[in-house]
Structure formats: C-alpha cells, structure tokens
Amino acid sequence: MTSRWASFRAGLEEFYAGPYRRTFARARREEDDLFRMVVLAEALGVPDPAAYYTVELMPALYEDFHAWHRRMGMDRSPLEHVACC
C-alpha cells in the first residue's frame, strides 16, 4: 500500500513540477549564489557585520566555489587564500 502511495506521489510531482524543472533549478541556483555572496562578503571586501557568524559556513561553500566564480564571470578565484584553479 505504501509503495502505491509513493508511486502516486511521484507521478503527481512529475505532472506538476516536471514542466517547470528548469525554472526551479535556476531559482535554486540563484538563491545559492546569493547565499554564497552573503557568506563570502567579508572575504570579497564588502563590510559584513555578521562575518563572525558566517565564517563558520565557509567550509560548506568550498565544494562549489570554482563553479560559482566561473559562473560569476571571474576567471580566477577572487579570494587570495582559496586557490581552486
């Protein structure tokens, strides 16, 4: 019975979200970019009063940092202490 509900739920999700998958992915990427910009603001030279708290999140952002700075149009890493390329 549970598997039937799971497959029914998956079918509904595909029906409603399927045509907008690309739009949802773009919105998620834009939100992630904004979050990354807020967390890296102090390192990029923008005064950030919450830098003490956001520095704890920096290790979580290193994984996609190279893709982010390439997407933002920066050929090299804007941070001196992060040499990803």
PDB file of N, CA and C in Angstrom:
ATOM      1  N   MET A   1       0.818  -1.192   0.000  1.00  0.00           N
ATOM      2  CA  MET A   1       0.000   0.000   0.000  1.00  0.00           C
ATOM      3  C   MET A   1       0.866   1.261   0.000  1.00  0.00           C
ATOM      4  N   THR A   2       1.960   1.217   0.766  1.00  0.00           N
ATOM      5  CA  THR A   2       2.847   2.370   0.853  1.00  0.00           C
ATOM      6  C   THR A   2       3.520   2.641  -0.478  1.00  0.00           C
ATOM      7  N   SER A   3       3.892   1.574  -1.178  1.00  0.00           N
ATOM      8  CA  SER A   3       4.571   1.783  -2.461  1.00  0.00           C
ATOM      9  C   SER A   3       3.621   2.375  -3.499  1.00  0.00           C
ATOM     10  N   ARG A   4       2.327   2.042  -3.398  1.00  0.00           N
ATOM     11  CA  ARG A   4       1.361   2.621  -4.335  1.00  0.00           C
ATOM     12  C   ARG A   4       1.228   4.125  -4.094  1.00  0.00           C
ATOM     13  N   TRP A   5       1.201   4.516  -2.808  1.00  0.00           N
ATOM     14  CA  TRP A   5       1.137   5.954  -2.496  1.00  0.00           C
ATOM     15  C   TRP A   5       2.409   6.663  -2.918  1.00  0.00           C
ATOM     16  N   ALA A   6       3.524   5.997  -2.750  1.00  0.00           N
ATOM     17  CA  ALA A   6       4.796   6.605  -3.145  1.00  0.00           C
ATOM     18  C   ALA A   6       4.848   6.802  -4.653  1.00  0.00           C
ATOM     19  N   SER A   7       4.380   5.812  -5.401  1.00  0.00           N
ATOM     20  CA  SER A   7       4.387   5.954  -6.859  1.00  0.00           C
ATOM     21  C   SER A   7       3.345   6.981  -7.309  1.00  0.00           C
ATOM     22  N   PHE A   8       2.211   7.039  -6.614  1.00  0.00           N
ATOM     23  CA  PHE A   8       1.201   8.046  -6.929  1.00  0.00           C
ATOM     24  C   PHE A   8       1.741   9.446  -6.658  1.00  0.00           C
ATOM     25  N   ARG A   9       2.433   9.600  -5.537  1.00  0.00           N
ATOM     26  CA  ARG A   9       3.034  10.890  -5.181  1.00  0.00           C
ATOM     27  C   ARG A   9       4.099  11.277  -6.207  1.00  0.00           C
ATOM     28  N   ALA A  10       4.910  10.316  -6.613  1.00  0.00           N
ATOM     29  CA  ALA A  10       5.943  10.599  -7.616  1.00  0.00           C
ATOM     30  C   ALA A  10       5.317  11.008  -8.948  1.00  0.00           C
ATOM     31  N   GLY A  11       4.210  10.370  -9.290  1.00  0.00           N
ATOM     32  CA  GLY A  11       3.516  10.732 -10.527  1.00  0.00           C
ATOM     33  C   GLY A  11       2.947  12.137 -10.475  1.00  0.00           C
ATOM     34  N   LEU A  12       2.364  12.496  -9.336  1.00  0.00           N
ATOM     35  CA  LEU A  12       1.838  13.862  -9.182  1.00  0.00           C
ATOM     36  C   LEU A  12       2.952  14.899  -9.223  1.00  0.00           C
ATOM     37  N   GLU A  13       4.051  14.571  -8.573  1.00  0.00           N
ATOM     38  CA  GLU A  13       5.182  15.509  -8.580  1.00  0.00           C
ATOM     39  C   GLU A  13       5.713  15.692  -9.996  1.00  0.00           C
ATOM     40  N   GLU A  14       5.803  14.608 -10.735  1.00  0.00           N
ATOM     41  CA  GLU A  14       6.272  14.710 -12.118  1.00  0.00           C
ATOM     42  C   GLU A  14       5.279  15.506 -12.968  1.00  0.00           C
ATOM     43  N   PHE A  15       3.984  15.315 -12.720  1.00  0.00           N
ATOM     44  CA  PHE A  15       2.970  16.010 -13.503  1.00  0.00           C
ATOM     45  C   PHE A  15       3.004  17.517 -13.263  1.00  0.00           C
ATOM     46  N   TYR A  16       3.126  17.907 -11.987  1.00  0.00           N
ATOM     47  CA  TYR A  16       3.071  19.326 -11.661  1.00  0.00           C
ATOM     48  C   TYR A  16       4.417  20.034 -11.766  1.00  0.00           C
ATOM     49  N   ALA A  17       5.481  19.398 -11.351  1.00  0.00           N
ATOM     50  CA  ALA A  17       6.788  20.058 -11.326  1.00  0.00           C
ATOM     51  C   ALA A  17       7.621  19.785 -12.575  1.00  0.00           C
ATOM     52  N   GLY A  18       7.299  18.742 -13.302  1.00  0.00           N
ATOM     53  CA  GLY A  18       8.084  18.363 -14.470  1.00  0.00           C
ATOM     54  C   GLY A  18       8.274  19.466 -15.502  1.00  0.00           C
ATOM     55  N   PRO A  19       7.198  20.137 -15.913  1.00  0.00           N
ATOM     56  CA  PRO A  19       7.375  21.187 -16.929  1.00  0.00           C
ATOM     57  C   PRO A  19       8.180  22.383 -16.441  1.00  0.00           C
ATOM     58  N   TYR A  20       8.281  22.538 -15.145  1.00  0.00           N
ATOM     59  CA  TYR A  20       8.971  23.716 -14.588  1.00  0.00           C
ATOM     60  C   TYR A  20      10.300  23.352 -13.949  1.00  0.00           C
ATOM     61  N   ARG A  21      10.820  22.197 -14.261  1.00  0.00           N
ATOM     62  CA  ARG A  21      12.051  21.716 -13.619  1.00  0.00           C
ATOM     63  C   ARG A  21      13.212  22.679 -13.855  1.00  0.00           C
ATOM     64  N   ARG A  22      13.343  23.167 -15.059  1.00  0.00           N
ATOM     65  CA  ARG A  22      14.445  24.081 -15.387  1.00  0.00           C
ATOM     66  C   ARG A  22      14.291  25.411 -14.628  1.00  0.00           C
ATOM     67  N   THR A  23      13.073  25.891 -14.509  1.00  0.00           N
ATOM     68  CA  THR A  23      12.825  27.137 -13.773  1.00  0.00           C
ATOM     69  C   THR A  23      13.143  26.962 -12.300  1.00  0.00           C
ATOM     70  N   PHE A  24      12.730  25.824 -11.723  1.00  0.00           N
ATOM     71  CA  PHE A  24      13.040  25.555 -10.320  1.00  0.00           C
ATOM     72  C   PHE A  24      14.547  25.446 -10.111  1.00  0.00           C
ATOM     73  N   ALA A  25      15.247  24.800 -11.027  1.00  0.00           N
ATOM     74  CA  ALA A  25      16.702  24.653 -10.897  1.00  0.00           C
ATOM     75  C   ALA A  25      17.384  26.012 -10.968  1.00  0.00           C
ATOM     76  N   ARG A  26      16.931  26.873 -11.863  1.00  0.00           N
ATOM     77  CA  ARG A  26      17.515  28.211 -11.988  1.00  0.00           C
ATOM     78  C   ARG A  26      17.271  29.038 -10.722  1.00  0.00           C
ATOM     79  N   ALA A  27      16.061  28.963 -10.196  1.00  0.00           N
ATOM     80  CA  ALA A  27      15.745  29.702  -8.966  1.00  0.00           C
ATOM     81  C   ALA A  27      16.594  29.206  -7.804  1.00  0.00           C
ATOM     82  N   ARG A  28      16.784  27.898  -7.720  1.00  0.00           N
ATOM     83  CA  ARG A  28      17.615  27.345  -6.645  1.00  0.00           C
ATOM     84  C   ARG A  28      19.064  27.800  -6.790  1.00  0.00           C
ATOM     85  N   ARG A  29      19.567  27.812  -8.022  1.00  0.00           N
ATOM     86  CA  ARG A  29      20.946  28.255  -8.258  1.00  0.00           C
ATOM     87  C   ARG A  29      21.107  29.729  -7.902  1.00  0.00           C
ATOM     88  N   GLU A  30      20.123  30.561  -8.231  1.00  0.00           N
ATOM     89  CA  GLU A  30      20.198  31.978  -7.893  1.00  0.00           C
ATOM     90  C   GLU A  30      20.162  32.193  -6.381  1.00  0.00           C
ATOM     91  N   GLU A  31      19.351  31.422  -5.680  1.00  0.00           N
ATOM     92  CA  GLU A  31      19.330  31.520  -4.217  1.00  0.00           C
ATOM     93  C   GLU A  31      20.650  31.070  -3.623  1.00  0.00           C
ATOM     94  N   ASP A  32      21.216  29.998  -4.159  1.00  0.00           N
ATOM     95  CA  ASP A  32      22.510  29.530  -3.666  1.00  0.00           C
ATOM     96  C   ASP A  32      23.599  30.561  -3.930  1.00  0.00           C
ATOM     97  N   ASP A  33      23.563  31.207  -5.095  1.00  0.00           N
ATOM     98  CA  ASP A  33      24.555  32.243  -5.408  1.00  0.00           C
ATOM     99  C   ASP A  33      24.428  33.425  -4.462  1.00  0.00           C
ATOM    100  N   LEU A  34      23.213  33.829  -4.154  1.00  0.00           N
ATOM    101  CA  LEU A  34      23.008  34.925  -3.215  1.00  0.00           C
ATOM    102  C   LEU A  34      23.514  34.554  -1.826  1.00  0.00           C
ATOM    103  N   PHE A  35      23.213  33.350  -1.391  1.00  0.00           N
ATOM    104  CA  PHE A  35      23.702  32.887  -0.093  1.00  0.00           C
ATOM    105  C   PHE A  35      25.225  32.869  -0.071  1.00  0.00           C
ATOM    106  N   ARG A  36      25.829  32.382  -1.138  1.00  0.00           N
ATOM    107  CA  ARG A  36      27.295  32.319  -1.225  1.00  0.00           C
ATOM    108  C   ARG A  36      27.889  33.721  -1.183  1.00  0.00           C
ATOM    109  N   MET A  37      27.232  34.666  -1.855  1.00  0.00           N
ATOM    110  CA  MET A  37      27.710  36.047  -1.859  1.00  0.00           C
ATOM    111  C   MET A  37      27.625  36.657  -0.465  1.00  0.00           C
ATOM    112  N   VAL A  38      26.575  36.366   0.264  1.00  0.00           N
ATOM    113  CA  VAL A  38      26.429  36.888   1.629  1.00  0.00           C
ATOM    114  C   VAL A  38      27.500  36.304   2.537  1.00  0.00           C
ATOM    115  N   VAL A  39      27.744  35.013   2.409  1.00  0.00           N
ATOM    116  CA  VAL A  39      28.733  34.374   3.269  1.00  0.00           C
ATOM    117  C   VAL A  39      30.144  34.854   2.937  1.00  0.00           C
ATOM    118  N   LEU A  40      30.445  35.071   1.672  1.00  0.00           N
ATOM    119  CA  LEU A  40      31.790  35.475   1.259  1.00  0.00           C
ATOM    120  C   LEU A  40      31.967  36.988   1.200  1.00  0.00           C
ATOM    121  N   ALA A  41      31.008  37.755   1.642  1.00  0.00           N
ATOM    122  CA  ALA A  41      31.072  39.211   1.500  1.00  0.00           C
ATOM    123  C   ALA A  41      32.320  39.783   2.154  1.00  0.00           C
ATOM    124  N   GLU A  42      32.606  39.386   3.357  1.00  0.00           N
ATOM    125  CA  GLU A  42      33.767  39.930   4.062  1.00  0.00           C
ATOM    126  C   GLU A  42      35.065  39.562   3.332  1.00  0.00           C
ATOM    127  N   ALA A  43      35.163  38.351   2.827  1.00  0.00           N
ATOM    128  CA  ALA A  43      36.361  37.927   2.114  1.00  0.00           C
ATOM    129  C   ALA A  43      36.497  38.645   0.775  1.00  0.00           C
ATOM    130  N   LEU A  44      35.382  39.103   0.210  1.00  0.00           N
ATOM    131  CA  LEU A  44      35.426  39.809  -1.067  1.00  0.00           C
ATOM    132  C   LEU A  44      35.604  41.314  -0.886  1.00  0.00           C
ATOM    133  N   GLY A  45      35.701  41.783   0.348  1.00  0.00           N
ATOM    134  CA  GLY A  45      35.962  43.190   0.597  1.00  0.00           C
ATOM    135  C   GLY A  45      34.753  44.020   0.947  1.00  0.00           C
ATOM    136  N   VAL A  46      33.621  43.396   1.124  1.00  0.00           N
ATOM    137  CA  VAL A  46      32.402  44.116   1.494  1.00  0.00           C
ATOM    138  C   VAL A  46      32.246  44.018   3.011  1.00  0.00           C
ATOM    139  N   PRO A  47      32.144  45.154   3.707  1.00  0.00           N
ATOM    140  CA  PRO A  47      31.987  45.079   5.157  1.00  0.00           C
ATOM    141  C   PRO A  47      30.731  44.295   5.541  1.00  0.00           C
ATOM    142  N   ASP A  48      30.911  43.341   6.417  1.00  0.00           N
ATOM    143  CA  ASP A  48      29.804  42.470   6.811  1.00  0.00           C
ATOM    144  C   ASP A  48      29.751  42.402   8.331  1.00  0.00           C
ATOM    145  N   PRO A  49      28.729  42.970   8.951  1.00  0.00           N
ATOM    146  CA  PRO A  49      28.663  42.922  10.408  1.00  0.00           C
ATOM    147  C   PRO A  49      28.432  41.514  10.948  1.00  0.00           C
ATOM    148  N   ALA A  50      27.978  40.610  10.131  1.00  0.00           N
ATOM    149  CA  ALA A  50      27.728  39.239  10.578  1.00  0.00           C
ATOM    150  C   ALA A  50      28.841  38.290  10.160  1.00  0.00           C
ATOM    151  N   ALA A  51      30.013  38.819   9.833  1.00  0.00           N
ATOM    152  CA  ALA A  51      31.111  37.975   9.352  1.00  0.00           C
ATOM    153  C   ALA A  51      31.544  36.950  10.394  1.00  0.00           C
ATOM    154  N   TYR A  52      31.458  37.322  11.652  1.00  0.00           N
ATOM    155  CA  TYR A  52      31.846  36.393  12.714  1.00  0.00           C
ATOM    156  C   TYR A  52      30.998  35.121  12.652  1.00  0.00           C
ATOM    157  N   TYR A  53      29.749  35.260  12.280  1.00  0.00           N
ATOM    158  CA  TYR A  53      28.843  34.118  12.246  1.00  0.00           C
ATOM    159  C   TYR A  53      28.889  33.378  10.911  1.00  0.00           C
ATOM    160  N   THR A  54      29.118  34.105   9.826  1.00  0.00           N
ATOM    161  CA  THR A  54      29.113  33.459   8.518  1.00  0.00           C
ATOM    162  C   THR A  54      30.412  32.727   8.218  1.00  0.00           C
ATOM    163  N   VAL A  55      31.492  33.041   8.945  1.00  0.00           N
ATOM    164  CA  VAL A  55      32.762  32.365   8.683  1.00  0.00           C
ATOM    165  C   VAL A  55      32.649  30.867   8.954  1.00  0.00           C
ATOM    166  N   GLU A  56      31.744  30.475   9.822  1.00  0.00           N
ATOM    167  CA  GLU A  56      31.559  29.051  10.097  1.00  0.00           C
ATOM    168  C   GLU A  56      30.982  28.312   8.901  1.00  0.00           C
ATOM    169  N   LEU A  57      30.332  29.029   7.994  1.00  0.00           N
ATOM    170  CA  LEU A  57      29.699  28.389   6.835  1.00  0.00           C
ATOM    171  C   LEU A  57      30.633  28.267   5.645  1.00  0.00           C
ATOM    172  N   MET A  58      31.784  28.918   5.703  1.00  0.00           N
ATOM    173  CA  MET A  58      32.678  28.913   4.541  1.00  0.00           C
ATOM    174  C   MET A  58      33.130  27.517   4.100  1.00  0.00           C
ATOM    175  N   PRO A  59      33.468  26.608   5.013  1.00  0.00           N
ATOM    176  CA  PRO A  59      33.858  25.269   4.542  1.00  0.00           C
ATOM    177  C   PRO A  59      32.765  24.568   3.734  1.00  0.00           C
ATOM    178  N   ALA A  60      31.524  24.879   4.004  1.00  0.00           N
ATOM    179  CA  ALA A  60      30.431  24.251   3.258  1.00  0.00           C
ATOM    180  C   ALA A  60      30.347  24.778   1.835  1.00  0.00           C
ATOM    181  N   LEU A  61      30.938  25.943   1.581  1.00  0.00           N
ATOM    182  CA  LEU A  61      30.845  26.549   0.255  1.00  0.00           C
ATOM    183  C   LEU A  61      32.025  26.216  -0.645  1.00  0.00           C
ATOM    184  N   TYR A  62      33.083  25.665  -0.098  1.00  0.00           N
ATOM    185  CA  TYR A  62      34.283  25.407  -0.891  1.00  0.00           C
ATOM    186  C   TYR A  62      34.049  24.394  -2.002  1.00  0.00           C
ATOM    187  N   GLU A  63      33.102  23.504  -1.785  1.00  0.00           N
ATOM    188  CA  GLU A  63      32.886  22.430  -2.761  1.00  0.00           C
ATOM    189  C   GLU A  63      32.479  22.971  -4.134  1.00  0.00           C
ATOM    190  N   ASP A  64      31.605  23.971  -4.161  1.00  0.00           N
ATOM    191  CA  ASP A  64      31.129  24.519  -5.427  1.00  0.00           C
ATOM    192  C   ASP A  64      31.723  25.890  -5.730  1.00  0.00           C
ATOM    193  N   PHE A  65      32.786  26.256  -5.037  1.00  0.00           N
ATOM    194  CA  PHE A  65      33.332  27.601  -5.187  1.00  0.00           C
ATOM    195  C   PHE A  65      33.851  27.852  -6.605  1.00  0.00           C
ATOM    196  N   HIS A  66      34.534  26.892  -7.188  1.00  0.00           N
ATOM    197  CA  HIS A  66      35.083  27.070  -8.533  1.00  0.00           C
ATOM    198  C   HIS A  66      33.969  27.306  -9.559  1.00  0.00           C
ATOM    199  N   ALA A  67      32.924  26.515  -9.513  1.00  0.00           N
ATOM    200  CA  ALA A  67      31.800  26.694 -10.446  1.00  0.00           C
ATOM    201  C   ALA A  67      31.140  28.046 -10.244  1.00  0.00           C
ATOM    202  N   TRP A  68      31.069  28.494  -8.990  1.00  0.00           N
ATOM    203  CA  TRP A  68      30.446  29.785  -8.703  1.00  0.00           C
ATOM    204  C   TRP A  68      31.240  30.939  -9.292  1.00  0.00           C
ATOM    205  N   HIS A  69      32.547  30.992  -9.044  1.00  0.00           N
ATOM    206  CA  HIS A  69      33.293  32.152  -9.557  1.00  0.00           C
ATOM    207  C   HIS A  69      33.405  32.130 -11.077  1.00  0.00           C
ATOM    208  N   ARG A  70      33.368  30.961 -11.684  1.00  0.00           N
ATOM    209  CA  ARG A  70      33.350  30.894 -13.154  1.00  0.00           C
ATOM    210  C   ARG A  70      32.002  31.395 -13.681  1.00  0.00           C
ATOM    211  N   ARG A  71      30.921  31.033 -12.995  1.00  0.00           N
ATOM    212  CA  ARG A  71      29.583  31.462 -13.405  1.00  0.00           C
ATOM    213  C   ARG A  71      29.412  32.969 -13.223  1.00  0.00           C
ATOM    214  N   MET A  72      30.101  33.551 -12.242  1.00  0.00           N
ATOM    215  CA  MET A  72      30.013  34.982 -11.995  1.00  0.00           C
ATOM    216  C   MET A  72      30.917  35.788 -12.920  1.00  0.00           C
ATOM    217  N   GLY A  73      31.662  35.104 -13.793  1.00  0.00           N
ATOM    218  CA  GLY A  73      32.489  35.792 -14.774  1.00  0.00           C
ATOM    219  C   GLY A  73      33.902  36.072 -14.313  1.00  0.00           C
ATOM    220  N   MET A  74      34.346  35.450 -13.250  1.00  0.00           N
ATOM    221  CA  MET A  74      35.708  35.629 -12.753  1.00  0.00           C
ATOM    222  C   MET A  74      36.547  34.436 -13.203  1.00  0.00           C
ATOM    223  N   ASP A  75      37.588  34.710 -13.971  1.00  0.00           N
ATOM    224  CA  ASP A  75      38.428  33.619 -14.474  1.00  0.00           C
ATOM    225  C   ASP A  75      39.239  32.964 -13.367  1.00  0.00           C
ATOM    226  N   ARG A  76      39.692  33.779 -12.416  1.00  0.00           N
ATOM    227  CA  ARG A  76      40.490  33.266 -11.291  1.00  0.00           C
ATOM    228  C   ARG A  76      39.723  33.439  -9.992  1.00  0.00           C
ATOM    229  N   SER A  77      40.140  32.766  -8.984  1.00  0.00           N
ATOM    230  CA  SER A  77      39.497  32.864  -7.678  1.00  0.00           C
ATOM    231  C   SER A  77      39.664  34.277  -7.120  1.00  0.00           C
ATOM    232  N   PRO A  78      38.590  34.908  -6.666  1.00  0.00           N
ATOM    233  CA  PRO A  78      38.711  36.255  -6.112  1.00  0.00           C
ATOM    234  C   PRO A  78      39.304  36.263  -4.706  1.00  0.00           C
ATOM    235  N   LEU A  79      39.418  35.129  -4.093  1.00  0.00           N
ATOM    236  CA  LEU A  79      39.951  35.041  -2.741  1.00  0.00           C
ATOM    237  C   LEU A  79      41.406  34.622  -2.791  1.00  0.00           C
ATOM    238  N   GLU A  80      42.213  35.291  -1.999  1.00  0.00           N
ATOM    239  CA  GLU A  80      43.642  35.001  -2.006  1.00  0.00           C
ATOM    240  C   GLU A  80      43.956  33.658  -1.363  1.00  0.00           C
ATOM    241  N   HIS A  81      43.213  33.294  -0.345  1.00  0.00           N
ATOM    242  CA  HIS A  81      43.512  32.069   0.386  1.00  0.00           C
ATOM    243  C   HIS A  81      42.821  30.835  -0.194  1.00  0.00           C
ATOM    244  N   VAL A  82      42.044  31.006  -1.254  1.00  0.00           N
ATOM    245  CA  VAL A  82      41.399  29.873  -1.919  1.00  0.00           C
ATOM    246  C   VAL A  82      41.902  29.831  -3.350  1.00  0.00           C
ATOM    247  N   ALA A  83      42.769  28.897  -3.618  1.00  0.00           N
ATOM    248  CA  ALA A  83      43.324  28.745  -4.964  1.00  0.00           C
ATOM    249  C   ALA A  83      42.743  27.484  -5.583  1.00  0.00           C
ATOM    250  N   CYS A  84      41.612  27.627  -6.202  1.00  0.00           N
ATOM    251  CA  CYS A  84      40.944  26.446  -6.752  1.00  0.00           C
ATOM    252  C   CYS A  84      41.347  26.175  -8.199  1.00  0.00           C
ATOM    253  N   CYS A  85      41.891  27.183  -8.883  1.00  0.00           N
ATOM    254  CA  CYS A  85      42.244  26.951 -10.293  1.00  0.00           C
ATOM    255  C   CYS A  85      43.564  27.599 -10.635  1.00  0.00           C
TER     256      CYS A  85
END
